[in-house]
N, C-alpha and C. Protein backbone atom coordinates (compact mmCIF):
# COMPACT_ATOMS: atom_id res chain seq x y z
N UNK A 1 0.83 -1.49 0.14
CA UNK A 1 0.09 0.09 -0.06
C UNK A 1 0.88 1.24 0.14
N UNK A 2 0.64 2.20 -0.59
CA UNK A 2 1.03 3.26 -0.91
C UNK A 2 1.05 4.15 0.46
N UNK A 3 2.12 4.89 0.94
CA UNK A 3 2.19 5.16 2.46
C UNK A 3 3.35 6.69 2.33
N UNK A 4 2.55 7.56 2.98
CA UNK A 4 3.59 8.93 3.42
C UNK A 4 3.84 9.17 4.85
N UNK A 5 5.25 9.60 5.07
CA UNK A 5 5.40 9.94 5.98
C UNK A 5 5.59 11.57 5.60
N UNK A 6 4.72 12.38 6.61
CA UNK A 6 5.25 13.82 6.34
C UNK A 6 5.64 14.85 7.36
N UNK A 7 6.88 15.12 7.45
CA UNK A 7 7.53 15.60 8.39
C UNK A 7 7.37 17.56 8.26
N UNK A 8 7.21 17.62 9.66
CA UNK A 8 7.07 19.14 9.63
C UNK A 8 8.41 19.85 10.12
N UNK A 9 8.38 21.34 10.09
CA UNK A 9 9.86 22.29 10.19
C UNK A 9 9.34 22.75 11.69
N UNK A 10 10.78 23.22 11.87
CA UNK A 10 10.81 23.72 13.45
C UNK A 10 9.58 24.50 13.61
N UNK A 11 9.26 24.35 14.86
CA UNK A 11 8.08 25.01 15.78
C UNK A 11 6.80 24.56 15.04
N UNK A 12 6.74 23.81 14.15
CA UNK A 12 5.40 23.30 13.15
C UNK A 12 4.96 22.38 14.12
N UNK A 13 3.64 21.66 13.29
CA UNK A 13 2.92 20.49 13.95
C UNK A 13 2.29 19.83 12.74
N UNK A 14 1.41 18.65 12.93
CA UNK A 14 0.64 18.40 12.03
C UNK A 14 -0.44 19.19 11.43
N UNK A 15 -1.02 20.24 12.13
CA UNK A 15 -1.82 20.69 11.60
C UNK A 15 -1.57 22.31 11.39
N UNK A 16 -0.27 22.55 10.95
CA UNK A 16 0.05 23.36 9.73
C UNK A 16 0.24 23.64 8.78
N UNK A 17 0.46 24.58 8.22
CA UNK A 17 0.46 24.91 6.73
C UNK A 17 -0.68 24.32 5.79
N UNK A 18 0.42 22.97 4.85
CA UNK A 18 -0.32 22.09 3.94
C UNK A 18 -0.33 20.93 4.37
N UNK A 19 -0.22 20.67 5.68
CA UNK A 19 0.06 19.55 5.71
C UNK A 19 -1.37 18.52 6.13
N UNK A 20 -2.55 19.45 6.97
CA UNK A 20 -3.67 18.53 7.13
C UNK A 20 -4.34 18.29 5.45
N UNK A 21 -4.23 19.42 4.63
CA UNK A 21 -4.66 19.38 3.26
C UNK A 21 -4.22 17.80 2.39
N UNK A 22 -2.67 17.84 2.50
CA UNK A 22 -1.90 16.65 1.78
C UNK A 22 -2.47 15.56 2.12
N UNK A 23 -2.48 15.69 3.73
CA UNK A 23 -2.57 14.24 4.15
C UNK A 23 -3.93 13.78 3.81
N UNK A 24 -5.03 14.47 3.98
CA UNK A 24 -6.21 14.74 3.39
C UNK A 24 -6.53 14.17 1.83
N UNK A 25 -5.94 14.86 1.09
CA UNK A 25 -5.79 14.30 -0.21
C UNK A 25 -5.44 12.96 -0.59
N UNK A 26 -3.92 12.67 0.11
CA UNK A 26 -3.33 11.13 -0.38
C UNK A 26 -4.49 10.26 0.48
N UNK A 27 -5.12 10.42 1.43
CA UNK A 27 -5.94 9.36 1.97
C UNK A 27 -7.28 8.96 1.20
N UNK A 28 -7.31 10.44 0.74
CA UNK A 28 -8.74 9.96 -0.40
C UNK A 28 -8.43 9.43 -1.71
N UNK A 29 -6.73 9.14 -1.69
CA UNK A 29 -6.44 8.59 -3.02
C UNK A 29 -6.07 7.09 -2.67
N UNK A 30 -6.37 6.64 -1.51
CA UNK A 30 -6.26 5.17 -0.51
C UNK A 30 -4.82 5.06 0.17
N UNK A 31 -4.03 6.46 0.08
CA UNK A 31 -2.96 5.76 1.22
C UNK A 31 -3.14 5.81 2.47
N UNK A 32 -2.03 5.58 2.88
CA UNK A 32 -1.99 5.44 4.36
C UNK A 32 -0.74 6.56 4.57
N UNK A 33 -1.12 8.03 5.54
CA UNK A 33 -0.57 8.86 5.86
C UNK A 33 -0.30 9.07 7.31
N UNK A 34 0.69 9.54 7.78
CA UNK A 34 1.24 10.25 9.11
C UNK A 34 1.98 11.11 9.09
N UNK A 35 1.57 12.09 9.75
CA UNK A 35 2.23 13.34 10.10
C UNK A 35 2.04 13.55 11.29
N UNK A 36 3.41 12.87 12.08
CA UNK A 36 3.66 13.40 13.52
C UNK A 36 3.69 14.52 14.09
N UNK A 37 3.54 14.90 15.40
CA UNK A 37 4.20 16.18 15.94
C UNK A 37 5.34 15.63 16.27
N UNK A 38 6.20 16.04 16.27
CA UNK A 38 7.51 15.66 16.23
C UNK A 38 7.87 16.69 17.87
N UNK A 39 8.78 15.53 18.89
CA UNK A 39 9.14 16.20 20.11
C UNK A 39 9.96 17.38 20.07
N UNK A 40 9.87 18.58 20.87
CA UNK A 40 10.89 19.61 21.04
C UNK A 40 10.83 20.08 19.64
N UNK A 41 9.84 20.12 18.85
CA UNK A 41 9.89 20.97 17.61
C UNK A 41 10.59 22.10 17.20
N UNK A 42 10.92 23.10 18.69
CA UNK A 42 11.47 24.31 18.33
C UNK A 42 13.18 24.12 18.20
N UNK A 43 13.46 22.81 18.93
CA UNK A 43 15.00 22.37 18.49
C UNK A 43 14.77 20.86 17.88
N UNK A 44 15.01 21.15 16.70
CA UNK A 44 14.79 19.99 15.81
C UNK A 44 16.26 19.46 16.25
N UNK A 45 16.12 17.92 16.21
CA UNK A 45 17.25 17.22 16.93
C UNK A 45 16.99 15.72 15.79
N UNK A 46 17.98 15.39 14.88
CA UNK A 46 18.15 14.16 14.17
C UNK A 46 17.78 12.93 15.15
N UNK A 47 18.89 13.07 15.94
CA UNK A 47 18.74 11.76 16.55
C UNK A 47 17.26 11.71 17.79
N UNK A 48 16.68 12.67 18.22
CA UNK A 48 15.69 12.60 18.62
C UNK A 48 14.53 12.28 17.85
N UNK A 49 14.41 12.84 16.82
CA UNK A 49 13.22 12.86 15.72
C UNK A 49 13.62 10.85 15.27
N UNK A 50 14.68 10.58 15.16
CA UNK A 50 14.56 9.19 14.50
C UNK A 50 14.38 8.02 15.41
N UNK A 51 14.58 8.52 17.42
CA UNK A 51 14.51 7.72 18.07
C UNK A 51 12.86 7.40 18.44
N UNK A 52 11.96 8.68 17.92
CA UNK A 52 10.49 8.87 17.79
C UNK A 52 9.86 7.82 16.61
N UNK A 53 10.22 8.57 15.65
CA UNK A 53 9.78 7.81 14.49
C UNK A 53 9.96 6.29 14.26
N UNK A 54 11.40 5.89 14.36
CA UNK A 54 11.35 4.55 14.24
C UNK A 54 10.92 3.83 15.42
N UNK A 55 10.71 4.26 16.60
CA UNK A 55 10.08 3.87 17.70
C UNK A 55 8.69 3.40 17.92
N UNK A 56 8.14 3.63 16.74
CA UNK A 56 6.82 3.48 16.32
C UNK A 56 6.41 2.36 15.66
N UNK A 57 4.91 1.86 15.33
CA UNK A 57 4.85 0.81 14.80
C UNK A 57 4.85 1.06 12.77
N UNK A 58 5.24 2.11 12.35
CA UNK A 58 4.94 2.75 11.13
C UNK A 58 6.19 2.01 10.21
N UNK A 59 5.48 1.64 9.23
CA UNK A 59 6.37 0.57 8.34
C UNK A 59 6.97 1.17 7.15
N UNK A 60 7.96 1.27 6.97
CA UNK A 60 8.77 1.53 5.97
C UNK A 60 9.17 0.51 4.73
N UNK A 61 8.41 0.91 3.21
CA UNK A 61 8.91 -0.61 2.43
C UNK A 61 8.93 0.48 1.06
N UNK A 62 8.94 -0.43 0.02
CA UNK A 62 9.54 0.16 -0.95
C UNK A 62 8.49 1.15 -1.87
N UNK A 63 7.30 1.00 -1.21
CA UNK A 63 6.48 2.42 -1.84
C UNK A 63 6.07 3.78 -0.73
N UNK A 64 7.08 3.55 0.01
CA UNK A 64 7.14 4.59 0.67
C UNK A 64 7.48 6.09 0.24
N UNK A 65 6.97 7.14 0.82
CA UNK A 65 7.15 8.30 0.43
C UNK A 65 7.42 9.12 1.45
N UNK A 66 8.63 9.68 1.58
CA UNK A 66 9.03 10.79 2.65
C UNK A 66 8.80 12.33 2.09
N UNK A 67 8.43 13.15 2.90
CA UNK A 67 7.78 14.43 2.59
C UNK A 67 8.33 15.28 3.75
N UNK A 68 9.10 16.15 3.59
CA UNK A 68 9.82 16.88 4.33
C UNK A 68 9.76 18.39 4.19
N UNK A 69 9.31 19.56 4.95
CA UNK A 69 9.27 20.86 5.19
C UNK A 69 10.37 21.20 6.17
N UNK A 70 11.71 22.23 5.14
CA UNK A 70 12.44 23.09 5.86
C UNK A 70 13.04 21.93 6.72
N UNK A 71 13.04 22.26 8.42
CA UNK A 71 14.01 21.08 8.98
C UNK A 71 13.35 20.03 9.02
N UNK A 72 12.31 19.70 8.77
CA UNK A 72 11.69 18.45 8.56
C UNK A 72 12.42 17.65 7.25
N UNK A 73 12.71 18.56 6.36
CA UNK A 73 13.29 17.96 5.11
C UNK A 73 14.72 17.38 5.13
N UNK A 74 15.30 18.24 6.22
CA UNK A 74 16.98 18.11 6.86
C UNK A 74 16.80 16.57 7.78
N UNK A 75 15.66 16.76 8.56
CA UNK A 75 15.49 15.58 9.30
C UNK A 75 15.05 14.15 8.53
N UNK A 76 14.57 14.23 7.69
CA UNK A 76 14.66 13.12 6.55
C UNK A 76 15.59 12.63 6.25
N UNK A 77 16.82 13.62 5.52
CA UNK A 77 18.10 12.93 5.53
C UNK A 77 19.21 12.39 6.70
N UNK A 78 18.60 12.83 7.89
CA UNK A 78 18.98 11.81 8.73
C UNK A 78 18.23 10.51 9.41
N UNK A 79 17.28 10.52 8.85
CA UNK A 79 16.23 9.23 8.84
C UNK A 79 16.74 8.14 8.04
N UNK A 80 16.76 8.82 6.69
CA UNK A 80 17.17 7.79 5.58
C UNK A 80 18.43 6.72 6.20
N UNK A 81 19.12 7.08 6.24
CA UNK A 81 20.62 5.84 6.35
C UNK A 81 20.11 5.09 7.67
N UNK A 82 18.95 5.44 8.38
CA UNK A 82 18.60 4.48 9.51
C UNK A 82 17.66 3.70 9.05
N UNK A 83 17.46 3.73 7.74
CA UNK A 83 16.49 2.53 7.36
C UNK A 83 17.00 1.53 6.64
N UNK A 84 16.11 0.59 6.80
CA UNK A 84 16.65 -0.93 6.63
C UNK A 84 15.91 -1.39 5.10
N UNK A 85 15.24 -0.07 4.54
CA UNK A 85 14.97 -0.34 2.97
C UNK A 85 15.11 0.79 2.33
N UNK A 86 14.87 0.43 0.85
CA UNK A 86 15.08 1.66 0.12
C UNK A 86 13.54 2.22 -0.31
N UNK A 87 12.98 3.45 -0.10
CA UNK A 87 11.65 4.27 -0.10
C UNK A 87 12.04 4.11 -1.69
N UNK A 88 10.54 4.77 -2.03
CA UNK A 88 10.09 5.16 -3.44
C UNK A 88 10.97 6.62 -3.53
N UNK A 89 10.49 7.72 -2.68
CA UNK A 89 10.61 9.00 -2.94
C UNK A 89 10.86 10.02 -1.89
N UNK A 90 11.56 10.82 -2.09
CA UNK A 90 11.64 11.86 -0.73
C UNK A 90 11.77 13.03 -1.51
N UNK A 91 10.70 13.95 -0.77
CA UNK A 91 10.50 15.16 -1.17
C UNK A 91 10.62 16.34 -0.39
N UNK A 92 11.86 17.44 -0.87
CA UNK A 92 12.29 18.16 0.37
C UNK A 92 11.82 19.30 -0.11
N UNK A 93 11.21 20.27 0.69
CA UNK A 93 10.63 21.44 0.65
C UNK A 93 10.99 22.30 1.52
N UNK A 94 11.88 23.41 0.76
CA UNK A 94 12.72 24.51 1.29
C UNK A 94 13.79 23.66 2.43
N UNK A 95 14.64 23.04 1.62
CA UNK A 95 15.77 22.17 2.51
C UNK A 95 16.49 23.03 2.53
N UNK A 96 17.75 22.79 3.55
CA UNK A 96 18.94 23.38 3.64
C UNK A 96 20.19 22.55 4.24
N UNK A 97 21.30 23.07 4.26
CA UNK A 97 22.72 21.90 4.10
C UNK A 97 23.32 22.56 5.67
N UNK A 98 22.90 23.62 6.03
CA UNK A 98 23.96 23.62 7.70
C UNK A 98 22.71 24.39 8.35
N UNK A 99 23.18 24.95 9.60
CA UNK A 99 22.49 25.63 10.72
C UNK A 99 22.24 27.07 10.15
N UNK A 100 22.47 27.40 9.24
CA UNK A 100 21.94 28.84 8.92
C UNK A 100 22.53 29.88 10.04
N UNK A 101 23.00 29.54 10.69
CA UNK A 101 23.78 30.35 11.62
C UNK A 101 22.63 30.62 12.74
N UNK A 102 21.79 29.58 13.13
CA UNK A 102 20.59 29.70 13.75
C UNK A 102 21.36 28.23 15.12
N UNK A 103 21.52 28.58 16.17
CA UNK A 103 21.61 27.75 17.26
C UNK A 103 20.71 26.71 17.21
N UNK A 104 19.64 26.82 17.16
CA UNK A 104 18.69 26.09 17.69
C UNK A 104 18.64 24.77 16.74
N UNK A 105 19.16 25.00 15.19
CA UNK A 105 19.41 23.62 14.16
C UNK A 105 20.49 23.13 14.28
N UNK A 106 21.40 23.43 15.25
CA UNK A 106 22.39 22.52 15.94
C UNK A 106 22.45 20.95 15.46
N UNK A 107 21.05 20.47 16.25
CA UNK A 107 20.69 19.12 16.47
C UNK A 107 20.54 18.51 15.38
N UNK A 108 20.71 19.16 14.07
CA UNK A 108 20.42 18.73 12.62
C UNK A 108 21.79 18.21 12.15
N UNK A 109 22.83 18.94 12.47
CA UNK A 109 24.05 18.66 11.93
C UNK A 109 25.08 18.31 13.00
N UNK A 110 24.65 17.67 13.82
CA UNK A 110 25.88 16.91 14.95
C UNK A 110 26.92 16.01 14.16
N UNK A 111 26.18 15.31 12.99
CA UNK A 111 26.77 14.47 12.27
C UNK A 111 26.52 15.02 10.78
N UNK A 112 27.67 14.90 10.12
CA UNK A 112 27.78 15.32 9.19
C UNK A 112 26.50 14.85 8.37
N UNK A 113 25.92 15.41 7.23
CA UNK A 113 24.78 14.83 6.30
C UNK A 113 25.78 13.46 5.42
N UNK A 114 25.36 12.64 5.14
CA UNK A 114 25.68 11.14 4.52
C UNK A 114 25.01 10.91 2.99
N UNK A 115 25.27 11.79 1.86
CA UNK A 115 24.54 11.76 0.99
C UNK A 115 24.96 10.44 0.06
N UNK A 116 25.84 9.62 0.45
CA UNK A 116 25.87 8.16 -0.17
C UNK A 116 24.89 7.10 0.08
N UNK A 117 24.58 7.05 1.48
CA UNK A 117 23.94 6.41 2.09
C UNK A 117 22.26 7.12 1.90
N UNK A 118 22.03 8.54 1.95
CA UNK A 118 20.71 8.59 1.74
C UNK A 118 20.45 8.37 0.24
N UNK A 119 21.20 8.46 -0.89
CA UNK A 119 20.89 8.10 -2.22
C UNK A 119 20.55 6.57 -2.09
N UNK A 120 21.18 5.68 -1.42
CA UNK A 120 20.97 4.46 -1.33
C UNK A 120 19.54 3.79 -1.05
N UNK A 121 19.15 5.06 -0.37
CA UNK A 121 18.06 4.51 0.67
C UNK A 121 16.73 5.43 0.09
N UNK A 122 16.58 5.73 -1.30
CA UNK A 122 15.53 5.85 -1.87
C UNK A 122 15.80 6.25 -3.15
N UNK A 123 14.63 5.50 -4.22
CA UNK A 123 14.82 5.75 -5.27
C UNK A 123 14.93 6.97 -6.15
N UNK A 124 14.44 7.83 -5.62
CA UNK A 124 14.58 9.43 -6.36
C UNK A 124 14.04 10.47 -5.37
N UNK A 125 14.83 11.63 -5.39
CA UNK A 125 14.79 13.08 -4.59
C UNK A 125 14.04 13.84 -5.16
N UNK A 126 13.29 14.66 -4.96
CA UNK A 126 12.52 16.19 -5.79
C UNK A 126 12.72 17.04 -4.90
N UNK A 127 13.27 17.73 -4.91
CA UNK A 127 13.60 19.26 -4.09
C UNK A 127 12.71 20.26 -4.88
N UNK A 128 11.74 21.05 -4.00
CA UNK A 128 10.97 22.05 -4.33
C UNK A 128 11.59 23.33 -3.43
N UNK A 129 12.13 24.43 -4.06
CA UNK A 129 12.58 25.52 -3.11
C UNK A 129 11.75 26.63 -4.16
N UNK A 130 11.85 27.77 -3.23
CA UNK A 130 11.56 28.85 -3.96
C UNK A 130 12.70 30.01 -4.21
N UNK A 131 12.31 30.58 -5.10
CA UNK A 131 13.50 31.99 -5.50
C UNK A 131 13.92 32.91 -4.47
N UNK A 132 12.99 33.24 -3.68
CA UNK A 132 12.80 34.13 -2.63
C UNK A 132 12.41 33.69 -1.04
N UNK A 133 12.94 32.31 -0.82
CA UNK A 133 12.69 32.06 0.50
C UNK A 133 13.91 32.72 1.53
N UNK A 134 12.99 33.56 2.23
CA UNK A 134 13.69 34.06 3.16
C UNK A 134 14.51 33.41 4.26
N UNK A 135 14.09 32.28 4.62
CA UNK A 135 15.15 31.36 5.35
C UNK A 135 15.94 30.54 4.87
N UNK A 136 15.95 30.19 3.81
CA UNK A 136 16.89 28.92 3.07
C UNK A 136 17.22 29.35 1.67
N UNK A 137 18.57 29.82 1.70
CA UNK A 137 19.14 30.29 0.41
C UNK A 137 18.58 29.02 -0.64
N UNK A 138 18.73 29.63 -2.23
CA UNK A 138 18.30 28.60 -2.98
C UNK A 138 19.78 27.83 -3.33
N UNK A 139 20.92 28.50 -3.04
CA UNK A 139 22.14 27.60 -3.28
C UNK A 139 22.35 26.65 -2.41
N UNK A 140 21.29 26.49 -1.13
CA UNK A 140 21.40 24.99 -0.28
C UNK A 140 20.71 24.05 -1.03
N UNK A 141 19.46 24.14 -1.80
CA UNK A 141 18.87 23.42 -2.46
C UNK A 141 19.74 22.88 -3.54
N UNK A 142 20.28 23.91 -4.48
CA UNK A 142 21.09 23.58 -5.41
C UNK A 142 22.41 22.56 -4.74
N UNK A 143 22.67 22.62 -3.57
CA UNK A 143 23.77 22.17 -3.33
C UNK A 143 23.02 20.76 -2.92
N UNK A 144 22.19 20.52 -2.17
CA UNK A 144 21.49 19.57 -2.05
C UNK A 144 21.04 18.62 -3.04
N UNK A 145 20.53 18.95 -3.95
CA UNK A 145 19.86 18.34 -5.42
C UNK A 145 21.23 17.82 -5.89
N UNK A 146 22.36 18.56 -6.03
CA UNK A 146 23.75 17.59 -6.74
C UNK A 146 24.25 16.80 -5.70
N UNK A 147 24.19 16.65 -4.83
CA UNK A 147 24.71 15.62 -3.88
C UNK A 147 23.68 14.47 -3.82
N UNK A 148 22.40 14.43 -3.95
CA UNK A 148 21.41 13.72 -4.21
C UNK A 148 21.27 12.85 -5.15
N UNK A 149 21.63 13.71 -6.11
CA UNK A 149 20.99 13.43 -7.31
C UNK A 149 19.85 13.42 -7.77
N UNK A 150 19.12 14.37 -7.17
CA UNK A 150 17.71 14.67 -7.47
C UNK A 150 17.64 16.07 -8.30
N UNK A 151 16.14 16.03 -8.43
CA UNK A 151 15.60 16.71 -8.97
C UNK A 151 14.96 18.11 -8.86
N UNK A 152 15.34 19.41 -8.94
CA UNK A 152 15.07 20.43 -8.08
C UNK A 152 14.52 21.25 -9.04
N UNK A 153 12.77 21.88 -8.43
CA UNK A 153 11.95 22.83 -8.80
C UNK A 153 12.33 23.54 -7.98
N UNK A 154 12.50 24.75 -9.11
CA UNK A 154 12.19 26.51 -8.33
C UNK A 154 11.27 26.52 -8.84
N UNK A 155 10.15 27.42 -7.78
CA UNK A 155 9.03 28.29 -8.00
C UNK A 155 9.30 29.77 -7.76
N UNK A 156 8.84 30.70 -8.53
CA UNK A 156 8.96 31.95 -8.55
C UNK A 156 8.52 32.64 -7.30
N UNK A 157 8.88 33.21 -6.24
CA UNK A 157 8.10 34.47 -5.55
C UNK A 157 7.25 33.51 -4.46
N UNK A 158 7.57 32.12 -4.16
CA UNK A 158 6.63 31.14 -3.16
C UNK A 158 6.97 31.45 -1.64
N UNK A 159 8.16 32.15 -1.26
CA UNK A 159 8.54 32.40 0.28
C UNK A 159 8.93 30.90 0.51
N UNK A 160 8.62 30.68 1.89
CA UNK A 160 8.86 29.34 2.45
C UNK A 160 7.84 28.14 2.12
N UNK A 161 7.06 28.57 1.50
CA UNK A 161 5.95 27.42 1.14
C UNK A 161 5.23 26.97 2.52
N UNK A 162 5.23 28.41 3.42
CA UNK A 162 4.33 28.04 4.73
C UNK A 162 2.97 29.23 4.82
N UNK A 163 2.67 29.29 6.04
CA UNK A 163 1.97 30.30 6.23
C UNK A 163 2.41 32.12 6.56
N UNK A 164 3.67 31.77 6.75
CA UNK A 164 4.26 32.84 7.66
C UNK A 164 4.97 33.87 6.54
N UNK A 165 6.11 32.90 5.46
CA UNK A 165 6.78 33.88 4.93
C UNK A 165 6.23 33.62 3.50
N UNK A 166 5.71 34.43 2.58
CA UNK A 166 5.18 34.39 1.34
C UNK A 166 3.64 34.03 1.06
N UNK A 167 3.11 33.96 -0.11
CA UNK A 167 1.90 33.10 -0.04
C UNK A 167 1.60 32.30 0.94
N UNK A 168 0.46 32.41 1.27
CA UNK A 168 -0.11 31.36 2.62
C UNK A 168 -0.25 29.83 1.80
N UNK A 169 0.22 29.15 2.40
CA UNK A 169 0.53 27.76 1.85
C UNK A 169 -0.64 26.63 2.85
N UNK A 170 -2.06 26.66 2.40
CA UNK A 170 -2.87 25.61 2.85
C UNK A 170 -3.03 24.87 2.09
N UNK A 171 -2.84 24.84 0.67
CA UNK A 171 -2.67 23.63 -0.33
C UNK A 171 -1.46 23.77 -0.62
N UNK A 172 -0.72 22.43 -1.40
CA UNK A 172 0.27 22.23 -2.44
C UNK A 172 -0.31 21.44 -3.37
N UNK A 173 -0.95 21.98 -4.14
CA UNK A 173 -1.26 21.00 -5.42
C UNK A 173 0.31 20.20 -6.13
N UNK A 174 1.35 21.21 -6.48
CA UNK A 174 2.72 20.71 -6.67
C UNK A 174 2.68 19.61 -6.25
N UNK A 175 2.83 18.91 -4.97
CA UNK A 175 3.19 17.86 -4.24
C UNK A 175 2.61 16.73 -4.95
N UNK A 176 1.06 16.76 -5.25
CA UNK A 176 0.20 15.90 -5.49
C UNK A 176 0.73 15.55 -7.11
N UNK A 177 1.07 16.39 -7.80
CA UNK A 177 1.56 16.26 -9.53
C UNK A 177 2.66 15.58 -9.19
N UNK A 178 3.81 16.09 -8.52
CA UNK A 178 5.06 14.95 -8.08
C UNK A 178 4.96 13.68 -7.90
N UNK A 179 3.83 13.73 -7.04
CA UNK A 179 3.60 12.19 -6.77
C UNK A 179 2.75 11.03 -7.92
N UNK A 180 1.96 11.75 -8.69
CA UNK A 180 1.34 11.03 -9.59
C UNK A 180 2.43 11.04 -10.70
N UNK A 181 3.41 11.75 -10.82
CA UNK A 181 4.46 11.07 -11.89
C UNK A 181 5.58 10.18 -11.67
N UNK A 182 5.17 9.71 -10.44
CA UNK A 182 5.83 8.40 -9.83
C UNK A 182 6.23 7.59 -10.77
């Protein structure tokens, strides 16, 4: 069965931005979807997130799709090497490659990102970024796309694909288009 894990960003929750909309859209199409409320989301920490996600009965398989927004996208890159399977697709929205000079993000980068292992644990990577993201420079997404061998989709004037910076993102039809093109 097609399944999706949707991971929110710093200070977010399962109820913020476009996550409830995407969950409902995928479930309507027969997907199993989990949008967890990550622990201590104001200070993202890959190890804490991995323990939380892998400590549940959520099942990853070759049909799994992992979708992360902002620090949730970075968290997915930290989760992939811990998986025992190769998932289908990772969609990284508004991703970044370092702590952006913000101490609260240090828990995402205690260990260097392992691009080789990440590539081996996902069939494909799609990065979605805006040319005017106020938090995460486009160069970060370009760097990640190159290291992951992923496709980069750059949208004009869309901010951080959230409710606060740029157009308000309650819906995100582009993500459904990406998933339907698998």
